Amino acid sequence: MRVCLAIFAFVCAGLLVTVDANFAQDKKKEKKTVVLKGLVACNKCELNKSTVCETVLVVKNKKKKDVIYFFDAESHKKYHDGICAAAKNGTVTGIVTEKKKKLTISVKTVVYE
């Protein structure tokens, strides 16, 4: 009986540790809204870096190097018409994700200067 009780206690302790570890991983995956300032432009027409029109935000990092954030498909449709012919400086609020070393922003708001 003591052996069964000891085994049961170890199993319960193991489950608690596993659940706590999974909870910590889920917490890391929470996405935060960011505010970025830079040049909102067409990757094809203004930057000549693509063969298709893509809405991008070009931001200078601390080392004065360009960091390009690609608008997601929905944001591209909504905001592309205003910047395809001429890029505009602006502030973009949204959630940034990284897939295959490509930064994508799901835009909530864009305010042009």
PDB file of N, CA and C in Angstrom:
ATOM      1  N   MET A   1       0.828  -1.194   0.000  1.00  0.00           N
ATOM      2  CA  MET A   1       0.000   0.000   0.000  1.00  0.00           C
ATOM      3  C   MET A   1       0.874   1.259   0.000  1.00  0.00           C
ATOM      4  N   ARG A   2       1.962   1.247   0.780  1.00  0.00           N
ATOM      5  CA  ARG A   2       2.856   2.413   0.830  1.00  0.00           C
ATOM      6  C   ARG A   2       3.513   2.634  -0.527  1.00  0.00           C
ATOM      7  N   VAL A   3       3.854   1.544  -1.202  1.00  0.00           N
ATOM      8  CA  VAL A   3       4.499   1.646  -2.514  1.00  0.00           C
ATOM      9  C   VAL A   3       3.528   2.292  -3.509  1.00  0.00           C
ATOM     10  N   CYS A   4       2.281   1.875  -3.491  1.00  0.00           N
ATOM     11  CA  CYS A   4       1.271   2.446  -4.395  1.00  0.00           C
ATOM     12  C   CYS A   4       1.062   3.924  -4.108  1.00  0.00           C
ATOM     13  N   LEU A   5       1.030   4.289  -2.842  1.00  0.00           N
ATOM     14  CA  LEU A   5       0.860   5.691  -2.455  1.00  0.00           C
ATOM     15  C   LEU A   5       2.062   6.531  -2.892  1.00  0.00           C
ATOM     16  N   ALA A   6       3.272   5.980  -2.755  1.00  0.00           N
ATOM     17  CA  ALA A   6       4.481   6.690  -3.173  1.00  0.00           C
ATOM     18  C   ALA A   6       4.490   6.888  -4.694  1.00  0.00           C
ATOM     19  N   ILE A   7       4.125   5.856  -5.442  1.00  0.00           N
ATOM     20  CA  ILE A   7       4.071   5.963  -6.903  1.00  0.00           C
ATOM     21  C   ILE A   7       3.037   7.008  -7.327  1.00  0.00           C
ATOM     22  N   PHE A   8       1.893   6.989  -6.673  1.00  0.00           N
ATOM     23  CA  PHE A   8       0.846   7.957  -6.969  1.00  0.00           C
ATOM     24  C   PHE A   8       1.324   9.381  -6.711  1.00  0.00           C
ATOM     25  N   ALA A   9       2.054   9.589  -5.624  1.00  0.00           N
ATOM     26  CA  ALA A   9       2.577  10.917  -5.286  1.00  0.00           C
ATOM     27  C   ALA A   9       3.585  11.383  -6.336  1.00  0.00           C
ATOM     28  N   PHE A  10       4.470  10.500  -6.804  1.00  0.00           N
ATOM     29  CA  PHE A  10       5.445  10.855  -7.841  1.00  0.00           C
ATOM     30  C   PHE A  10       4.759  11.196  -9.168  1.00  0.00           C
ATOM     31  N   VAL A  11       3.735  10.447  -9.512  1.00  0.00           N
ATOM     32  CA  VAL A  11       3.002  10.717 -10.747  1.00  0.00           C
ATOM     33  C   VAL A  11       2.318  12.083 -10.668  1.00  0.00           C
ATOM     34  N   CYS A  12       1.694  12.384  -9.539  1.00  0.00           N
ATOM     35  CA  CYS A  12       1.032  13.678  -9.364  1.00  0.00           C
ATOM     36  C   CYS A  12       2.045  14.819  -9.434  1.00  0.00           C
ATOM     37  N   ALA A  13       3.183  14.660  -8.798  1.00  0.00           N
ATOM     38  CA  ALA A  13       4.221  15.691  -8.834  1.00  0.00           C
ATOM     39  C   ALA A  13       4.729  15.900 -10.263  1.00  0.00           C
ATOM     40  N   GLY A  14       4.909  14.816 -10.990  1.00  0.00           N
ATOM     41  CA  GLY A  14       5.353  14.914 -12.385  1.00  0.00           C
ATOM     42  C   GLY A  14       4.343  15.654 -13.256  1.00  0.00           C
ATOM     43  N   LEU A  15       3.072  15.379 -13.052  1.00  0.00           N
ATOM     44  CA  LEU A  15       2.032  16.074 -13.811  1.00  0.00           C
ATOM     45  C   LEU A  15       2.007  17.562 -13.495  1.00  0.00           C
ATOM     46  N   LEU A  16       2.177  17.922 -12.242  1.00  0.00           N
ATOM     47  CA  LEU A  16       2.195  19.338 -11.864  1.00  0.00           C
ATOM     48  C   LEU A  16       3.357  20.074 -12.525  1.00  0.00           C
ATOM     49  N   VAL A  17       4.513  19.469 -12.557  1.00  0.00           N
ATOM     50  CA  VAL A  17       5.682  20.088 -13.187  1.00  0.00           C
ATOM     51  C   VAL A  17       5.445  20.252 -14.683  1.00  0.00           C
ATOM     52  N   THR A  18       4.886  19.249 -15.330  1.00  0.00           N
ATOM     53  CA  THR A  18       4.624  19.307 -16.766  1.00  0.00           C
ATOM     54  C   THR A  18       3.608  20.392 -17.103  1.00  0.00           C
ATOM     55  N   VAL A  19       2.531  20.462 -16.360  1.00  0.00           N
ATOM     56  CA  VAL A  19       1.496  21.470 -16.604  1.00  0.00           C
ATOM     57  C   VAL A  19       2.066  22.861 -16.401  1.00  0.00           C
ATOM     58  N   ASP A  20       2.879  23.064 -15.373  1.00  0.00           N
ATOM     59  CA  ASP A  20       3.485  24.361 -15.100  1.00  0.00           C
ATOM     60  C   ASP A  20       4.441  24.761 -16.219  1.00  0.00           C
ATOM     61  N   ALA A  21       5.195  23.826 -16.748  1.00  0.00           N
ATOM     62  CA  ALA A  21       6.129  24.120 -17.847  1.00  0.00           C
ATOM     63  C   ALA A  21       5.367  24.513 -19.108  1.00  0.00           C
ATOM     64  N   ASN A  22       4.279  23.817 -19.407  1.00  0.00           N
ATOM     65  CA  ASN A  22       3.475  24.160 -20.584  1.00  0.00           C
ATOM     66  C   ASN A  22       2.825  25.525 -20.438  1.00  0.00           C
ATOM     67  N   PHE A  23       2.396  25.870 -19.251  1.00  0.00           N
ATOM     68  CA  PHE A  23       1.799  27.179 -19.002  1.00  0.00           C
ATOM     69  C   PHE A  23       2.823  28.277 -19.243  1.00  0.00           C
ATOM     70  N   ALA A  24       4.058  28.062 -18.818  1.00  0.00           N
ATOM     71  CA  ALA A  24       5.115  29.050 -19.025  1.00  0.00           C
ATOM     72  C   ALA A  24       5.404  29.237 -20.512  1.00  0.00           C
ATOM     73  N   GLN A  25       5.374  28.184 -21.302  1.00  0.00           N
ATOM     74  CA  GLN A  25       5.601  28.292 -22.745  1.00  0.00           C
ATOM     75  C   GLN A  25       4.461  29.048 -23.418  1.00  0.00           C
ATOM     76  N   ASP A  26       3.227  28.790 -22.997  1.00  0.00           N
ATOM     77  CA  ASP A  26       2.084  29.497 -23.574  1.00  0.00           C
ATOM     78  C   ASP A  26       2.171  30.991 -23.283  1.00  0.00           C
ATOM     79  N   LYS A  27       2.651  31.344 -22.122  1.00  0.00           N
ATOM     80  CA  LYS A  27       2.756  32.744 -21.743  1.00  0.00           C
ATOM     81  C   LYS A  27       3.781  33.460 -22.627  1.00  0.00           C
ATOM     82  N   LYS A  28       4.858  32.787 -23.024  1.00  0.00           N
ATOM     83  CA  LYS A  28       5.876  33.378 -23.881  1.00  0.00           C
ATOM     84  C   LYS A  28       5.328  33.678 -25.269  1.00  0.00           C
ATOM     85  N   LYS A  29       4.331  32.933 -25.726  1.00  0.00           N
ATOM     86  CA  LYS A  29       3.806  33.079 -27.071  1.00  0.00           C
ATOM     87  C   LYS A  29       2.817  34.228 -27.206  1.00  0.00           C
ATOM     88  N   GLU A  30       2.463  34.893 -26.097  1.00  0.00           N
ATOM     89  CA  GLU A  30       1.536  36.008 -26.174  1.00  0.00           C
ATOM     90  C   GLU A  30       2.144  37.103 -27.032  1.00  0.00           C
ATOM     91  N   LYS A  31       1.355  37.632 -27.932  1.00  0.00           N
ATOM     92  CA  LYS A  31       1.854  38.643 -28.849  1.00  0.00           C
ATOM     93  C   LYS A  31       1.449  40.022 -28.355  1.00  0.00           C
ATOM     94  N   LYS A  32       2.389  40.936 -28.422  1.00  0.00           N
ATOM     95  CA  LYS A  32       2.148  42.280 -27.934  1.00  0.00           C
ATOM     96  C   LYS A  32       2.048  43.248 -29.094  1.00  0.00           C
ATOM     97  N   THR A  33       1.238  44.274 -28.905  1.00  0.00           N
ATOM     98  CA  THR A  33       1.097  45.323 -29.894  1.00  0.00           C
ATOM     99  C   THR A  33       2.304  46.247 -29.815  1.00  0.00           C
ATOM    100  N   VAL A  34       2.856  46.589 -30.983  1.00  0.00           N
ATOM    101  CA  VAL A  34       4.016  47.471 -31.051  1.00  0.00           C
ATOM    102  C   VAL A  34       3.667  48.693 -31.896  1.00  0.00           C
ATOM    103  N   VAL A  35       4.407  49.774 -31.668  1.00  0.00           N
ATOM    104  CA  VAL A  35       4.265  50.994 -32.450  1.00  0.00           C
ATOM    105  C   VAL A  35       5.609  51.246 -33.126  1.00  0.00           C
ATOM    106  N   LEU A  36       5.594  51.312 -34.469  1.00  0.00           N
ATOM    107  CA  LEU A  36       6.815  51.496 -35.249  1.00  0.00           C
ATOM    108  C   LEU A  36       6.674  52.721 -36.145  1.00  0.00           C
ATOM    109  N   LYS A  37       7.765  53.501 -36.240  1.00  0.00           N
ATOM    110  CA  LYS A  37       7.786  54.674 -37.121  1.00  0.00           C
ATOM    111  C   LYS A  37       8.759  54.421 -38.247  1.00  0.00           C
ATOM    112  N   GLY A  38       8.342  54.799 -39.453  1.00  0.00           N
ATOM    113  CA  GLY A  38       9.225  54.626 -40.585  1.00  0.00           C
ATOM    114  C   GLY A  38       8.547  54.996 -41.884  1.00  0.00           C
ATOM    115  N   LEU A  39       9.077  54.457 -42.963  1.00  0.00           N
ATOM    116  CA  LEU A  39       8.582  54.732 -44.303  1.00  0.00           C
ATOM    117  C   LEU A  39       7.663  53.604 -44.746  1.00  0.00           C
ATOM    118  N   VAL A  40       6.407  53.941 -45.034  1.00  0.00           N
ATOM    119  CA  VAL A  40       5.454  52.970 -45.556  1.00  0.00           C
ATOM    120  C   VAL A  40       5.548  53.075 -47.076  1.00  0.00           C
ATOM    121  N   ALA A  41       5.895  51.959 -47.735  1.00  0.00           N
ATOM    122  CA  ALA A  41       6.167  52.005 -49.164  1.00  0.00           C
ATOM    123  C   ALA A  41       5.760  50.713 -49.847  1.00  0.00           C
ATOM    124  N   CYS A  42       5.772  50.760 -51.185  1.00  0.00           N
ATOM    125  CA  CYS A  42       5.541  49.570 -51.996  1.00  0.00           C
ATOM    126  C   CYS A  42       6.897  48.929 -52.269  1.00  0.00           C
ATOM    127  N   ASN A  43       7.009  47.665 -51.977  1.00  0.00           N
ATOM    128  CA  ASN A  43       8.285  46.958 -52.138  1.00  0.00           C
ATOM    129  C   ASN A  43       8.692  46.858 -53.613  1.00  0.00           C
ATOM    130  N   LYS A  44       7.734  46.888 -54.519  1.00  0.00           N
ATOM    131  CA  LYS A  44       8.039  46.807 -55.951  1.00  0.00           C
ATOM    132  C   LYS A  44       8.254  48.196 -56.545  1.00  0.00           C
ATOM    133  N   CYS A  45       7.277  49.059 -56.404  1.00  0.00           N
ATOM    134  CA  CYS A  45       7.287  50.341 -57.104  1.00  0.00           C
ATOM    135  C   CYS A  45       8.265  51.357 -56.512  1.00  0.00           C
ATOM    136  N   GLU A  46       8.396  51.409 -55.213  1.00  0.00           N
ATOM    137  CA  GLU A  46       9.257  52.398 -54.568  1.00  0.00           C
ATOM    138  C   GLU A  46      10.650  51.862 -54.248  1.00  0.00           C
ATOM    139  N   LEU A  47      10.707  50.628 -53.741  1.00  0.00           N
ATOM    140  CA  LEU A  47      11.991  50.078 -53.292  1.00  0.00           C
ATOM    141  C   LEU A  47      12.685  49.208 -54.337  1.00  0.00           C
ATOM    142  N   ASN A  48      11.953  48.791 -55.361  1.00  0.00           N
ATOM    143  CA  ASN A  48      12.492  47.927 -56.423  1.00  0.00           C
ATOM    144  C   ASN A  48      13.154  46.655 -55.883  1.00  0.00           C
ATOM    145  N   LYS A  49      12.531  46.041 -54.869  1.00  0.00           N
ATOM    146  CA  LYS A  49      13.083  44.831 -54.261  1.00  0.00           C
ATOM    147  C   LYS A  49      12.203  43.604 -54.482  1.00  0.00           C
ATOM    148  N   SER A  50      11.161  43.747 -55.307  1.00  0.00           N
ATOM    149  CA  SER A  50      10.239  42.632 -55.515  1.00  0.00           C
ATOM    150  C   SER A  50       9.659  42.719 -56.921  1.00  0.00           C
ATOM    151  N   THR A  51       9.070  41.625 -57.368  1.00  0.00           N
ATOM    152  CA  THR A  51       8.416  41.622 -58.685  1.00  0.00           C
ATOM    153  C   THR A  51       6.913  41.826 -58.560  1.00  0.00           C
ATOM    154  N   VAL A  52       6.391  41.810 -57.336  1.00  0.00           N
ATOM    155  CA  VAL A  52       4.971  42.048 -57.088  1.00  0.00           C
ATOM    156  C   VAL A  52       4.823  43.146 -56.041  1.00  0.00           C
ATOM    157  N   CYS A  53       3.705  43.839 -56.095  1.00  0.00           N
ATOM    158  CA  CYS A  53       3.447  44.893 -55.109  1.00  0.00           C
ATOM    159  C   CYS A  53       3.259  44.281 -53.724  1.00  0.00           C
ATOM    160  N   GLU A  54       3.978  44.823 -52.761  1.00  0.00           N
ATOM    161  CA  GLU A  54       3.854  44.434 -51.359  1.00  0.00           C
ATOM    162  C   GLU A  54       3.959  45.704 -50.527  1.00  0.00           C
ATOM    163  N   THR A  55       3.104  45.838 -49.536  1.00  0.00           N
ATOM    164  CA  THR A  55       3.187  46.986 -48.652  1.00  0.00           C
ATOM    165  C   THR A  55       4.174  46.651 -47.547  1.00  0.00           C
ATOM    166  N   VAL A  56       5.159  47.524 -47.346  1.00  0.00           N
ATOM    167  CA  VAL A  56       6.181  47.302 -46.332  1.00  0.00           C
ATOM    168  C   VAL A  56       6.382  48.559 -45.497  1.00  0.00           C
ATOM    169  N   LEU A  57       6.934  48.349 -44.325  1.00  0.00           N
ATOM    170  CA  LEU A  57       7.344  49.444 -43.444  1.00  0.00           C
ATOM    171  C   LEU A  57       8.846  49.321 -43.269  1.00  0.00           C
ATOM    172  N   VAL A  58       9.572  50.372 -43.620  1.00  0.00           N
ATOM    173  CA  VAL A  58      11.027  50.374 -43.502  1.00  0.00           C
ATOM    174  C   VAL A  58      11.383  51.205 -42.285  1.00  0.00           C
ATOM    175  N   VAL A  59      12.034  50.554 -41.308  1.00  0.00           N
ATOM    176  CA  VAL A  59      12.404  51.198 -40.047  1.00  0.00           C
ATOM    177  C   VAL A  59      13.915  51.108 -39.884  1.00  0.00           C
ATOM    178  N   LYS A  60      14.524  52.163 -39.386  1.00  0.00           N
ATOM    179  CA  LYS A  60      15.960  52.148 -39.086  1.00  0.00           C
ATOM    180  C   LYS A  60      16.139  51.589 -37.671  1.00  0.00           C
ATOM    181  N   ASN A  61      17.048  50.606 -37.522  1.00  0.00           N
ATOM    182  CA  ASN A  61      17.330  50.080 -36.187  1.00  0.00           C
ATOM    183  C   ASN A  61      18.411  50.931 -35.523  1.00  0.00           C
ATOM    184  N   LYS A  62      18.878  50.525 -34.360  1.00  0.00           N
ATOM    185  CA  LYS A  62      19.864  51.308 -33.610  1.00  0.00           C
ATOM    186  C   LYS A  62      21.168  51.491 -34.364  1.00  0.00           C
ATOM    187  N   LYS A  63      21.504  50.555 -35.242  1.00  0.00           N
ATOM    188  CA  LYS A  63      22.742  50.628 -36.017  1.00  0.00           C
ATOM    189  C   LYS A  63      22.526  51.343 -37.353  1.00  0.00           C
ATOM    190  N   LYS A  64      21.397  52.032 -37.497  1.00  0.00           N
ATOM    191  CA  LYS A  64      21.038  52.770 -38.719  1.00  0.00           C
ATOM    192  C   LYS A  64      20.878  51.861 -39.935  1.00  0.00           C
ATOM    193  N   LYS A  65      20.560  50.597 -39.688  1.00  0.00           N
ATOM    194  CA  LYS A  65      20.342  49.633 -40.765  1.00  0.00           C
ATOM    195  C   LYS A  65      18.834  49.487 -40.981  1.00  0.00           C
ATOM    196  N   ASP A  66      18.425  49.335 -42.250  1.00  0.00           N
ATOM    197  CA  ASP A  66      17.007  49.193 -42.558  1.00  0.00           C
ATOM    198  C   ASP A  66      16.471  47.835 -42.121  1.00  0.00           C
ATOM    199  N   VAL A  67      15.330  47.858 -41.442  1.00  0.00           N
ATOM    200  CA  VAL A  67      14.599  46.642 -41.088  1.00  0.00           C
ATOM    201  C   VAL A  67      13.258  46.738 -41.803  1.00  0.00           C
ATOM    202  N   ILE A  68      12.916  45.713 -42.569  1.00  0.00           N
ATOM    203  CA  ILE A  68      11.692  45.740 -43.372  1.00  0.00           C
ATOM    204  C   ILE A  68      10.644  44.840 -42.739  1.00  0.00           C
ATOM    205  N   TYR A  69       9.466  45.426 -42.484  1.00  0.00           N
ATOM    206  CA  TYR A  69       8.314  44.696 -41.973  1.00  0.00           C
ATOM    207  C   TYR A  69       7.292  44.608 -43.106  1.00  0.00           C
ATOM    208  N   PHE A  70       6.874  43.407 -43.464  1.00  0.00           N
ATOM    209  CA  PHE A  70       5.891  43.198 -44.516  1.00  0.00           C
ATOM    210  C   PHE A  70       4.493  43.226 -43.912  1.00  0.00           C
ATOM    211  N   PHE A  71       3.583  43.963 -44.523  1.00  0.00           N
ATOM    212  CA  PHE A  71       2.196  43.960 -44.072  1.00  0.00           C
ATOM    213  C   PHE A  71       1.590  42.600 -44.396  1.00  0.00           C
ATOM    214  N   ASP A  72       0.721  42.088 -43.519  1.00  0.00           N
ATOM    215  CA  ASP A  72       0.032  40.837 -43.823  1.00  0.00           C
ATOM    216  C   ASP A  72      -0.971  41.082 -44.954  1.00  0.00           C
ATOM    217  N   ALA A  73      -1.554  40.043 -45.500  1.00  0.00           N
ATOM    218  CA  ALA A  73      -2.406  40.141 -46.693  1.00  0.00           C
ATOM    219  C   ALA A  73      -3.583  41.096 -46.492  1.00  0.00           C
ATOM    220  N   GLU A  74      -4.236  41.009 -45.360  1.00  0.00           N
ATOM    221  CA  GLU A  74      -5.394  41.866 -45.095  1.00  0.00           C
ATOM    222  C   GLU A  74      -4.979  43.333 -45.002  1.00  0.00           C
ATOM    223  N   SER A  75      -3.878  43.598 -44.304  1.00  0.00           N
ATOM    224  CA  SER A  75      -3.383  44.966 -44.157  1.00  0.00           C
ATOM    225  C   SER A  75      -2.896  45.516 -45.489  1.00  0.00           C
ATOM    226  N   HIS A  76      -2.282  44.657 -46.291  1.00  0.00           N
ATOM    227  CA  HIS A  76      -1.813  45.079 -47.621  1.00  0.00           C
ATOM    228  C   HIS A  76      -2.983  45.574 -48.466  1.00  0.00           C
ATOM    229  N   LYS A  77      -4.073  44.825 -48.490  1.00  0.00           N
ATOM    230  CA  LYS A  77      -5.244  45.222 -49.269  1.00  0.00           C
ATOM    231  C   LYS A  77      -5.809  46.564 -48.796  1.00  0.00           C
ATOM    232  N   LYS A  78      -5.810  46.754 -47.494  1.00  0.00           N
ATOM    233  CA  LYS A  78      -6.425  47.947 -46.910  1.00  0.00           C
ATOM    234  C   LYS A  78      -5.586  49.211 -47.129  1.00  0.00           C
ATOM    235  N   TYR A  79      -4.264  49.107 -47.047  1.00  0.00           N
ATOM    236  CA  TYR A  79      -3.422  50.304 -47.032  1.00  0.00           C
ATOM    237  C   TYR A  79      -2.576  50.515 -48.289  1.00  0.00           C
ATOM    238  N   HIS A  80      -2.569  49.589 -49.237  1.00  0.00           N
ATOM    239  CA  HIS A  80      -1.640  49.686 -50.353  1.00  0.00           C
ATOM    240  C   HIS A  80      -1.956  50.802 -51.349  1.00  0.00           C
ATOM    241  N   ASP A  81      -3.204  51.048 -51.618  1.00  0.00           N
ATOM    242  CA  ASP A  81      -3.561  52.047 -52.633  1.00  0.00           C
ATOM    243  C   ASP A  81      -2.988  53.428 -52.333  1.00  0.00           C
ATOM    244  N   GLY A  82      -2.895  53.799 -51.086  1.00  0.00           N
ATOM    245  CA  GLY A  82      -2.414  55.129 -50.722  1.00  0.00           C
ATOM    246  C   GLY A  82      -0.912  55.314 -50.834  1.00  0.00           C
ATOM    247  N   ILE A  83      -0.151  54.228 -50.924  1.00  0.00           N
ATOM    248  CA  ILE A  83       1.315  54.356 -50.923  1.00  0.00           C
ATOM    249  C   ILE A  83       1.988  53.772 -52.153  1.00  0.00           C
ATOM    250  N   CYS A  84       1.251  53.191 -53.073  1.00  0.00           N
ATOM    251  CA  CYS A  84       1.880  52.539 -54.223  1.00  0.00           C
ATOM    252  C   CYS A  84       2.586  53.545 -55.120  1.00  0.00           C
ATOM    253  N   ALA A  85       1.986  54.678 -55.351  1.00  0.00           N
ATOM    254  CA  ALA A  85       2.581  55.681 -56.234  1.00  0.00           C
ATOM    255  C   ALA A  85       3.665  56.493 -55.520  1.00  0.00           C
ATOM    256  N   ALA A  86       3.512  56.712 -54.225  1.00  0.00           N
ATOM    257  CA  ALA A  86       4.490  57.508 -53.485  1.00  0.00           C
ATOM    258  C   ALA A  86       4.536  57.046 -52.035  1.00  0.00           C
ATOM    259  N   ALA A  87       5.725  56.752 -51.559  1.00  0.00           N
ATOM    260  CA  ALA A  87       5.900  56.303 -50.173  1.00  0.00           C
ATOM    261  C   ALA A  87       5.611  57.456 -49.215  1.00  0.00           C
ATOM    262  N   LYS A  88       5.180  57.102 -48.014  1.00  0.00           N
ATOM    263  CA  LYS A  88       4.863  58.117 -47.001  1.00  0.00           C
ATOM    264  C   LYS A  88       5.478  57.711 -45.667  1.00  0.00           C
ATOM    265  N   ASN A  89       5.953  58.699 -44.918  1.00  0.00           N
ATOM    266  CA  ASN A  89       6.403  58.454 -43.547  1.00  0.00           C
ATOM    267  C   ASN A  89       5.171  58.298 -42.673  1.00  0.00           C
ATOM    268  N   GLY A  90       5.259  57.391 -41.724  1.00  0.00           N
ATOM    269  CA  GLY A  90       4.110  57.181 -40.869  1.00  0.00           C
ATOM    270  C   GLY A  90       4.416  56.348 -39.645  1.00  0.00           C
ATOM    271  N   THR A  91       3.407  56.218 -38.813  1.00  0.00           N
ATOM    272  CA  THR A  91       3.475  55.409 -37.601  1.00  0.00           C
ATOM    273  C   THR A  91       2.491  54.264 -37.751  1.00  0.00           C
ATOM    274  N   VAL A  92       2.983  53.042 -37.545  1.00  0.00           N
ATOM    275  CA  VAL A  92       2.165  51.842 -37.712  1.00  0.00           C
ATOM    276  C   VAL A  92       2.046  51.137 -36.365  1.00  0.00           C
ATOM    277  N   THR A  93       0.823  50.806 -35.996  1.00  0.00           N
ATOM    278  CA  THR A  93       0.556  50.050 -34.772  1.00  0.00           C
ATOM    279  C   THR A  93       0.048  48.673 -35.182  1.00  0.00           C
ATOM    280  N   GLY A  94       0.645  47.619 -34.591  1.00  0.00           N
ATOM    281  CA  GLY A  94       0.218  46.271 -34.936  1.00  0.00           C
ATOM    282  C   GLY A  94       0.983  45.209 -34.182  1.00  0.00           C
ATOM    283  N   ILE A  95       0.777  43.973 -34.583  1.00  0.00           N
ATOM    284  CA  ILE A  95       1.421  42.825 -33.943  1.00  0.00           C
ATOM    285  C   ILE A  95       2.418  42.224 -34.929  1.00  0.00           C
ATOM    286  N   VAL A  96       3.665  42.098 -34.503  1.00  0.00           N
ATOM    287  CA  VAL A  96       4.738  41.586 -35.354  1.00  0.00           C
ATOM    288  C   VAL A  96       4.940  40.095 -35.107  1.00  0.00           C
ATOM    289  N   THR A  97       5.056  39.343 -36.211  1.00  0.00           N
ATOM    290  CA  THR A  97       5.406  37.928 -36.136  1.00  0.00           C
ATOM    291  C   THR A  97       6.579  37.689 -37.076  1.00  0.00           C
ATOM    292  N   GLU A  98       7.324  36.627 -36.796  1.00  0.00           N
ATOM    293  CA  GLU A  98       8.462  36.285 -37.641  1.00  0.00           C
ATOM    294  C   GLU A  98       8.293  34.865 -38.147  1.00  0.00           C
ATOM    295  N   LYS A  99       8.338  34.721 -39.469  1.00  0.00           N
ATOM    296  CA  LYS A  99       8.251  33.405 -40.097  1.00  0.00           C
ATOM    297  C   LYS A  99       9.368  33.307 -41.121  1.00  0.00           C
ATOM    298  N   LYS A 100      10.218  32.316 -40.963  1.00  0.00           N
ATOM    299  CA  LYS A 100      11.334  32.088 -41.890  1.00  0.00           C
ATOM    300  C   LYS A 100      12.168  33.352 -42.092  1.00  0.00           C
ATOM    301  N   LYS A 101      12.499  34.020 -41.003  1.00  0.00           N
ATOM    302  CA  LYS A 101      13.330  35.230 -40.997  1.00  0.00           C
ATOM    303  C   LYS A 101      12.693  36.399 -41.741  1.00  0.00           C
ATOM    304  N   LYS A 102      11.372  36.376 -41.888  1.00  0.00           N
ATOM    305  CA  LYS A 102      10.638  37.468 -42.524  1.00  0.00           C
ATOM    306  C   LYS A 102       9.699  38.067 -41.483  1.00  0.00           C
ATOM    307  N   LEU A 103       9.862  39.364 -41.218  1.00  0.00           N
ATOM    308  CA  LEU A 103       9.024  40.042 -40.236  1.00  0.00           C
ATOM    309  C   LEU A 103       7.729  40.488 -40.895  1.00  0.00           C
ATOM    310  N   THR A 104       6.613  40.074 -40.317  1.00  0.00           N
ATOM    311  CA  THR A 104       5.294  40.435 -40.832  1.00  0.00           C
ATOM    312  C   THR A 104       4.533  41.164 -39.740  1.00  0.00           C
ATOM    313  N   ILE A 105       3.837  42.231 -40.128  1.00  0.00           N
ATOM    314  CA  ILE A 105       3.060  42.986 -39.147  1.00  0.00           C
ATOM    315  C   ILE A 105       1.582  42.936 -39.524  1.00  0.00           C
ATOM    316  N   SER A 106       0.775  42.592 -38.542  1.00  0.00           N
ATOM    317  CA  SER A 106      -0.672  42.620 -38.694  1.00  0.00           C
ATOM    318  C   SER A 106      -1.117  43.998 -38.188  1.00  0.00           C
ATOM    319  N   VAL A 107      -1.462  44.871 -39.105  1.00  0.00           N
ATOM    320  CA  VAL A 107      -1.646  46.287 -38.804  1.00  0.00           C
ATOM    321  C   VAL A 107      -3.012  46.551 -38.186  1.00  0.00           C
ATOM    322  N   LYS A 108      -2.989  47.351 -37.125  1.00  0.00           N
ATOM    323  CA  LYS A 108      -4.229  47.836 -36.508  1.00  0.00           C
ATOM    324  C   LYS A 108      -4.533  49.251 -36.982  1.00  0.00           C
ATOM    325  N   THR A 109      -3.500  50.117 -36.972  1.00  0.00           N
ATOM    326  CA  THR A 109      -3.685  51.487 -37.442  1.00  0.00           C
ATOM    327  C   THR A 109      -2.427  51.974 -38.157  1.00  0.00           C
ATOM    328  N   VAL A 110      -2.648  52.902 -39.099  1.00  0.00           N
ATOM    329  CA  VAL A 110      -1.549  53.602 -39.771  1.00  0.00           C
ATOM    330  C   VAL A 110      -1.888  55.084 -39.736  1.00  0.00           C
ATOM    331  N   VAL A 111      -0.934  55.878 -39.254  1.00  0.00           N
ATOM    332  CA  VAL A 111      -1.099  57.332 -39.235  1.00  0.00           C
ATOM    333  C   VAL A 111       0.042  57.925 -40.032  1.00  0.00           C
ATOM    334  N   TYR A 112      -0.313  58.614 -41.123  1.00  0.00           N
ATOM    335  CA  TYR A 112       0.734  59.224 -41.967  1.00  0.00           C
ATOM    336  C   TYR A 112       1.066  60.617 -41.447  1.00  0.00           C
ATOM    337  N   GLU A 113       2.330  61.004 -41.621  1.00  0.00           N
ATOM    338  CA  GLU A 113       2.781  62.318 -41.158  1.00  0.00           C
ATOM    339  C   GLU A 113       2.486  63.378 -42.190  1.00  0.00           C
TER     340      GLU A 113
END
